[in-house]
Amino acid sequence: MTPNLSPTLADLLAPRPDAAWLAALLLLGGWYALGFVHAPRAAWPAWRAALFGLGLLVALLVTQTAVTDFTLNSMTLYMARLMVLAEVVPPLVILGLPAGHLVPRGRAARALSWLLDPWVALALWTVIIVFWNVPAGFSASLVSNTASGLLPLLYVLGGLLSWAVVLRPLPTVQGRGFGNRGWFGLLASLPMMAVAAVWLYSPRVLYAPYVGALCLWNTTPLQNQVNSGWVMMIAGLPSMALAVAQLMLWLIALADSGTVTETEDPDAVNPDDRPAPGPADARP
C-alpha cells in the first residue's frame, strides 16, 4: 500500500489512541484537578490551572493522534514531535504548579534535591540529547519501538527536569541563585544547538532510515534533515533567552551588592568631618 505522502492537518490529527500515554496523562490531570478544587484560589490561581491544562492538551495532540504514523517518512515531523514534548509541554506544566504549595519531605525531598541540582540535570539532559541524536542511536530509535515509546518519554522527563531547574517550582528543595539557573540554562541549550548545527550544515543524510525514504510533502531526505535542524534550533531559543535573562539579573544583583550608598546631596558634609563645637556653640 502506497503511504500518504501529502497528509493534511486533519490526517495528522486523526485519533490514534496510545493506551499507556493516555492513562498517564489522565492520571496526572485527575491528580491536578483534585488539588486545584480543594485549594484556596489565592494559593492556586486559575491561570495556573489554564497553563497546566494547555500543557496536557498539547501532550494529547502529539501522543494520541496519527502524527506518530508519519514519522518514518518525515524526520522533520519526528523531531517536531519530540521538541513539543521536551520544550513546550514541560514549561506549561511546571508553570501550572502552585508556587510553594508542593512541599516534598523526607526521601522524596532528598531525591528531588539531587535530581534538580543544575549539574546533575545538565548531565542527564546532555546524555539524552547527544546519545539519541548520534546516527547509531537515532537510527535504532526509528527501527525499534523506542521511536514511539521510550524516546518520547525520555524527552518529556529530560524536558521536565531542565525546565524545573530554570523555573524553580519546588523552592524548598531548590537553590535560589539566578546565577546557577542561568548558567545551567545556557549550557543545557548548547547540546541541542550543536546537533541542530550539524543537521543544518551536513552535506549528506546522516541517518540510514532516511537515506532512501520517501519523504512527506515532496521533500528530499537532505531537505528533511535541514528542516529538522531548524526545528531543533528554534525550539531551543526560548530556554536560551530565559537563561540569558537570568544571567543578566544575576550580574545586576552581583554589581549592586558591591555598591556603596551615597547621600543624595553631593554637597552634604559628613557628620564625622564636622569640627567639634566650641564655647560659642554652647547653648544656655
Protein backbone atom coordinates (compact mmCIF):
# COMPACT_ATOMS: atom_id res chain seq x y z
CA MET A 1 0.00 0.00 0.00
CA THR A 2 1.41 3.39 -1.01
CA PRO A 3 1.81 5.68 2.02
CA ASN A 4 0.06 9.02 2.08
CA LEU A 5 2.93 11.44 1.41
CA SER A 6 0.81 14.60 1.47
CA PRO A 7 -1.16 14.37 4.71
CA THR A 8 -3.37 17.28 5.68
CA LEU A 9 -3.64 18.67 9.19
CA ALA A 10 -6.80 16.60 9.62
CA ASP A 11 -4.85 13.45 8.64
CA LEU A 12 -2.10 14.24 11.15
CA LEU A 13 -4.54 14.92 13.99
CA ALA A 14 -6.76 11.91 13.34
CA PRO A 15 -7.30 9.97 16.60
CA ARG A 16 -4.78 7.20 17.27
CA PRO A 17 -5.05 6.21 20.94
CA ASP A 18 -1.93 5.16 22.82
CA ALA A 19 -3.15 3.46 26.00
CA ALA A 20 -0.01 3.99 28.10
CA TRP A 21 0.31 7.71 27.35
CA LEU A 22 -3.43 8.27 27.69
CA ALA A 23 -3.56 6.58 31.10
CA ALA A 24 -0.57 8.57 32.36
CA LEU A 25 -2.00 11.90 31.17
CA LEU A 26 -5.44 11.18 32.62
CA LEU A 27 -3.96 10.24 36.00
CA LEU A 28 -1.85 13.40 36.01
CA GLY A 29 -4.85 15.52 35.09
CA GLY A 30 -7.00 13.89 37.77
CA TRP A 31 -4.34 14.46 40.46
CA TYR A 32 -4.06 18.12 39.47
CA ALA A 33 -7.84 18.69 39.34
CA LEU A 34 -8.26 17.19 42.81
CA GLY A 35 -5.63 19.51 44.28
CA PHE A 36 -6.99 22.54 42.44
CA VAL A 37 -10.58 22.04 43.62
CA HIS A 38 -9.62 21.76 47.28
CA ALA A 39 -7.07 24.59 47.37
CA PRO A 40 -7.83 28.27 48.01
CA ARG A 41 -7.73 30.37 44.85
CA ALA A 42 -5.16 32.72 46.34
CA ALA A 43 -2.70 29.83 46.65
CA TRP A 44 -3.70 28.13 43.40
CA PRO A 45 -4.94 30.73 40.87
CA ALA A 46 -6.99 29.80 37.82
CA TRP A 47 -4.33 30.98 35.35
CA ARG A 48 -2.00 28.24 36.60
CA ALA A 49 -4.69 25.64 36.01
CA ALA A 50 -5.20 27.00 32.49
CA LEU A 51 -1.48 26.62 31.71
CA PHE A 52 -1.39 23.10 33.13
CA GLY A 53 -4.47 22.12 31.13
CA LEU A 54 -2.92 23.58 27.96
CA GLY A 55 0.21 21.51 28.56
CA LEU A 56 -1.85 18.32 28.88
CA LEU A 57 -3.83 19.20 25.75
CA VAL A 58 -0.65 19.69 23.71
CA ALA A 59 0.69 16.37 25.04
CA LEU A 60 -2.52 14.66 23.96
CA LEU A 61 -2.22 16.13 20.46
CA VAL A 62 1.23 14.64 19.89
CA THR A 63 0.66 11.28 21.61
CA GLN A 64 -2.94 10.38 20.76
CA THR A 65 -3.01 11.29 17.07
CA ALA A 66 -1.74 9.89 13.78
CA VAL A 67 1.35 12.11 13.87
CA THR A 68 3.38 9.12 15.01
CA ASP A 69 2.35 7.15 11.91
CA PHE A 70 4.12 9.62 9.61
CA THR A 71 7.46 9.99 11.43
CA LEU A 72 9.18 7.29 9.33
CA ASN A 73 8.52 9.46 6.27
CA SER A 74 9.49 12.77 7.82
CA MET A 75 12.47 13.41 10.05
CA THR A 76 11.14 16.96 10.46
CA LEU A 77 7.84 15.73 11.85
CA TYR A 78 9.65 13.23 14.04
CA MET A 79 11.82 15.95 15.58
CA ALA A 80 8.93 18.43 15.87
CA ARG A 81 7.01 15.89 17.93
CA LEU A 82 9.97 15.35 20.26
CA MET A 83 10.62 19.07 20.63
CA VAL A 84 7.00 19.70 21.57
CA LEU A 85 7.30 17.05 24.28
CA ALA A 86 10.61 18.46 25.54
CA GLU A 87 10.30 22.22 25.09
CA VAL A 88 6.59 23.09 25.01
CA VAL A 89 4.78 20.70 27.36
CA PRO A 90 7.24 20.87 30.33
CA PRO A 91 7.24 24.68 30.85
CA LEU A 92 3.44 24.81 30.60
CA VAL A 93 3.04 22.01 33.13
CA ILE A 94 5.64 23.44 35.52
CA LEU A 95 4.21 26.97 35.36
CA GLY A 96 0.85 25.40 36.17
CA LEU A 97 2.11 24.08 39.51
CA PRO A 98 1.18 26.25 42.51
CA ALA A 99 4.23 28.10 43.82
CA GLY A 100 5.09 26.98 47.33
CA HIS A 101 2.10 24.63 47.58
CA LEU A 102 4.06 21.45 46.84
CA VAL A 103 6.46 20.69 49.69
CA PRO A 104 8.23 17.33 49.32
CA ARG A 105 9.57 15.81 52.51
CA GLY A 106 11.87 13.02 53.62
CA ARG A 107 13.33 10.78 50.94
CA ALA A 108 11.32 12.45 48.20
CA ALA A 109 12.82 15.82 49.14
CA ARG A 110 16.36 14.42 49.13
CA ALA A 111 15.86 12.66 45.79
CA LEU A 112 14.35 15.75 44.14
CA SER A 113 17.07 17.98 45.60
CA TRP A 114 19.67 15.73 43.95
CA LEU A 115 17.85 15.44 40.62
CA LEU A 116 17.21 19.18 40.44
CA ASP A 117 20.81 20.07 41.13
CA PRO A 118 21.85 22.01 37.99
CA TRP A 119 24.91 19.85 37.29
CA VAL A 120 23.04 16.56 37.68
CA ALA A 121 20.19 17.78 35.47
CA LEU A 122 22.68 19.05 32.90
CA ALA A 123 24.44 15.68 32.73
CA LEU A 124 21.18 13.75 32.30
CA TRP A 125 19.80 16.13 29.67
CA THR A 126 23.06 16.07 27.70
CA VAL A 127 23.09 12.26 27.67
CA ILE A 128 19.51 12.17 26.34
CA ILE A 129 20.17 14.72 23.59
CA VAL A 130 23.60 13.51 22.48
CA PHE A 131 23.11 9.74 22.67
CA TRP A 132 19.77 9.68 20.89
CA ASN A 133 20.95 12.02 18.14
CA VAL A 134 24.17 10.34 17.10
CA PRO A 135 23.42 8.30 13.96
CA ALA A 136 23.50 4.91 15.71
CA GLY A 137 21.14 5.90 18.50
CA PHE A 138 18.78 7.85 16.24
CA SER A 139 18.55 5.06 13.66
CA ALA A 140 17.95 2.47 16.38
CA SER A 141 15.12 4.57 17.81
CA LEU A 142 13.40 4.69 14.42
CA VAL A 143 13.62 0.99 13.58
CA SER A 144 12.57 -0.13 17.07
CA ASN A 145 9.65 0.57 19.35
CA THR A 146 11.62 3.24 21.20
CA ALA A 147 10.70 5.73 18.48
CA SER A 148 7.10 5.77 19.71
CA GLY A 149 7.58 4.71 23.34
CA LEU A 150 10.81 5.12 25.25
CA LEU A 151 12.33 8.04 23.34
CA PRO A 152 9.35 10.43 23.73
CA LEU A 153 9.21 9.53 27.42
CA LEU A 154 12.89 10.36 27.85
CA TYR A 155 12.43 13.70 26.11
CA VAL A 156 9.48 14.55 28.37
CA LEU A 157 11.38 13.61 31.53
CA GLY A 158 14.51 15.42 30.37
CA GLY A 159 12.48 18.50 29.48
CA LEU A 160 10.68 18.47 32.84
CA LEU A 161 14.00 18.18 34.66
CA SER A 162 15.62 21.00 32.70
CA TRP A 163 12.70 23.41 32.94
CA ALA A 164 12.25 22.62 36.64
CA VAL A 165 15.81 23.78 37.29
CA VAL A 166 15.19 27.01 35.39
CA LEU A 167 11.67 27.80 36.69
CA ARG A 168 12.20 26.53 40.28
CA PRO A 169 8.73 25.11 41.11
CA LEU A 170 9.95 23.47 44.36
CA PRO A 171 11.67 26.27 46.30
CA THR A 172 12.01 24.17 49.46
CA VAL A 173 14.44 21.77 47.76
CA GLN A 174 15.98 24.05 45.12
CA GLY A 175 18.56 26.81 45.33
CA ARG A 176 17.63 30.45 44.89
CA GLY A 177 20.54 31.77 42.85
CA PHE A 178 19.79 33.16 39.40
CA GLY A 179 23.44 32.56 38.55
CA ASN A 180 23.32 28.77 38.79
CA ARG A 181 20.00 28.60 36.96
CA GLY A 182 21.19 30.93 34.22
CA TRP A 183 24.44 29.08 33.65
CA PHE A 184 22.54 25.81 33.62
CA GLY A 185 20.04 27.03 31.03
CA LEU A 186 22.78 28.37 28.80
CA LEU A 187 24.87 25.19 28.98
CA ALA A 188 21.82 22.93 28.60
CA SER A 189 20.90 24.63 25.32
CA LEU A 190 24.31 24.01 23.78
CA PRO A 191 23.88 20.26 23.01
CA MET A 192 20.66 20.98 21.10
CA MET A 193 22.24 23.85 19.20
CA ALA A 194 25.26 21.71 18.34
CA VAL A 195 23.12 18.87 16.99
CA ALA A 196 20.97 21.34 15.06
CA ALA A 197 24.06 22.92 13.51
CA VAL A 198 25.32 19.52 12.34
CA TRP A 199 21.99 18.83 10.67
CA LEU A 200 21.88 22.24 9.05
CA TYR A 201 25.34 22.10 7.50
CA SER A 202 25.88 18.40 6.81
CA PRO A 203 26.30 17.80 3.05
CA ARG A 204 24.74 14.32 3.26
CA VAL A 205 21.96 12.47 5.06
CA LEU A 206 23.34 11.16 8.36
CA TYR A 207 20.66 8.67 9.34
CA ALA A 208 20.28 5.39 7.47
CA PRO A 209 16.46 5.02 7.73
CA TYR A 210 16.01 8.30 5.83
CA VAL A 211 18.63 7.84 3.10
CA GLY A 212 16.22 6.27 0.64
CA ALA A 213 12.95 7.15 2.34
CA LEU A 214 10.00 8.67 0.54
CA CYS A 215 9.56 11.93 2.43
CA LEU A 216 6.37 13.81 3.10
CA TRP A 217 5.32 16.83 1.08
CA ASN A 218 7.72 16.10 -1.79
CA THR A 219 10.90 16.93 0.12
CA THR A 220 14.25 15.20 -0.29
CA PRO A 221 15.90 13.38 2.66
CA LEU A 222 18.57 16.09 2.86
CA GLN A 223 15.95 18.86 2.92
CA ASN A 224 14.16 16.90 5.62
CA GLN A 225 17.32 16.78 7.71
CA VAL A 226 17.96 20.52 7.28
CA ASN A 227 14.37 21.29 8.31
CA SER A 228 14.85 19.13 11.38
CA GLY A 229 17.86 21.24 12.30
CA TRP A 230 15.76 24.39 12.08
CA VAL A 231 13.06 22.79 14.24
CA MET A 232 15.54 21.88 16.97
CA MET A 233 17.31 25.24 16.85
CA ILE A 234 14.08 27.27 17.04
CA ALA A 235 12.77 25.04 19.84
CA GLY A 236 15.87 25.76 21.92
CA LEU A 237 15.70 29.57 21.59
CA PRO A 238 13.13 30.28 24.37
CA SER A 239 15.11 28.42 27.04
CA MET A 240 18.33 30.09 25.89
CA ALA A 241 16.70 33.55 26.03
CA LEU A 242 15.43 32.86 29.55
CA ALA A 243 18.90 31.70 30.60
CA VAL A 244 20.46 34.91 29.29
CA ALA A 245 17.85 36.96 31.19
CA GLN A 246 18.59 35.07 34.41
CA LEU A 247 22.32 35.63 33.95
CA MET A 248 21.72 39.34 33.44
CA LEU A 249 19.67 39.51 36.65
CA TRP A 250 22.44 37.67 38.47
CA LEU A 251 25.10 40.05 37.15
CA ILE A 252 22.99 43.08 38.10
CA ALA A 253 22.49 41.72 41.63
CA LEU A 254 26.22 40.97 41.84
CA ALA A 255 27.07 44.51 40.78
CA ASP A 256 24.56 46.06 43.18
CA SER A 257 25.92 44.06 46.09
CA GLY A 258 29.27 45.86 45.74
CA THR A 259 27.98 49.42 45.53
CA VAL A 260 28.12 51.96 48.40
CA THR A 261 25.03 54.02 49.11
CA GLU A 262 25.81 57.73 48.79
CA THR A 263 23.88 60.73 50.11
CA GLU A 264 21.56 62.38 47.64
CA ASP A 265 23.12 65.84 48.26
CA PRO A 266 26.68 65.88 46.88
CA ASP A 267 27.46 68.99 48.98
CA ALA A 268 26.33 67.42 52.22
CA VAL A 269 29.02 67.28 54.92
CA ASN A 270 29.88 64.01 56.55
CA PRO A 271 29.00 64.32 60.25
CA ASP A 272 32.35 62.77 61.17
CA ASP A 273 34.17 65.61 59.35
CA ARG A 274 32.47 68.45 61.25
CA PRO A 275 34.62 70.34 63.79
CA ALA A 276 33.92 69.83 67.43
CA PRO A 277 31.61 72.55 68.88
CA GLY A 278 33.46 75.41 70.65
CA PRO A 279 32.35 77.62 73.52
CA ALA A 280 30.48 79.87 71.14
CA ASP A 281 28.34 76.99 70.08
CA ALA A 282 27.28 76.18 73.61
CA ARG A 283 23.61 76.61 74.35
CA PRO A 284 22.29 78.07 77.59
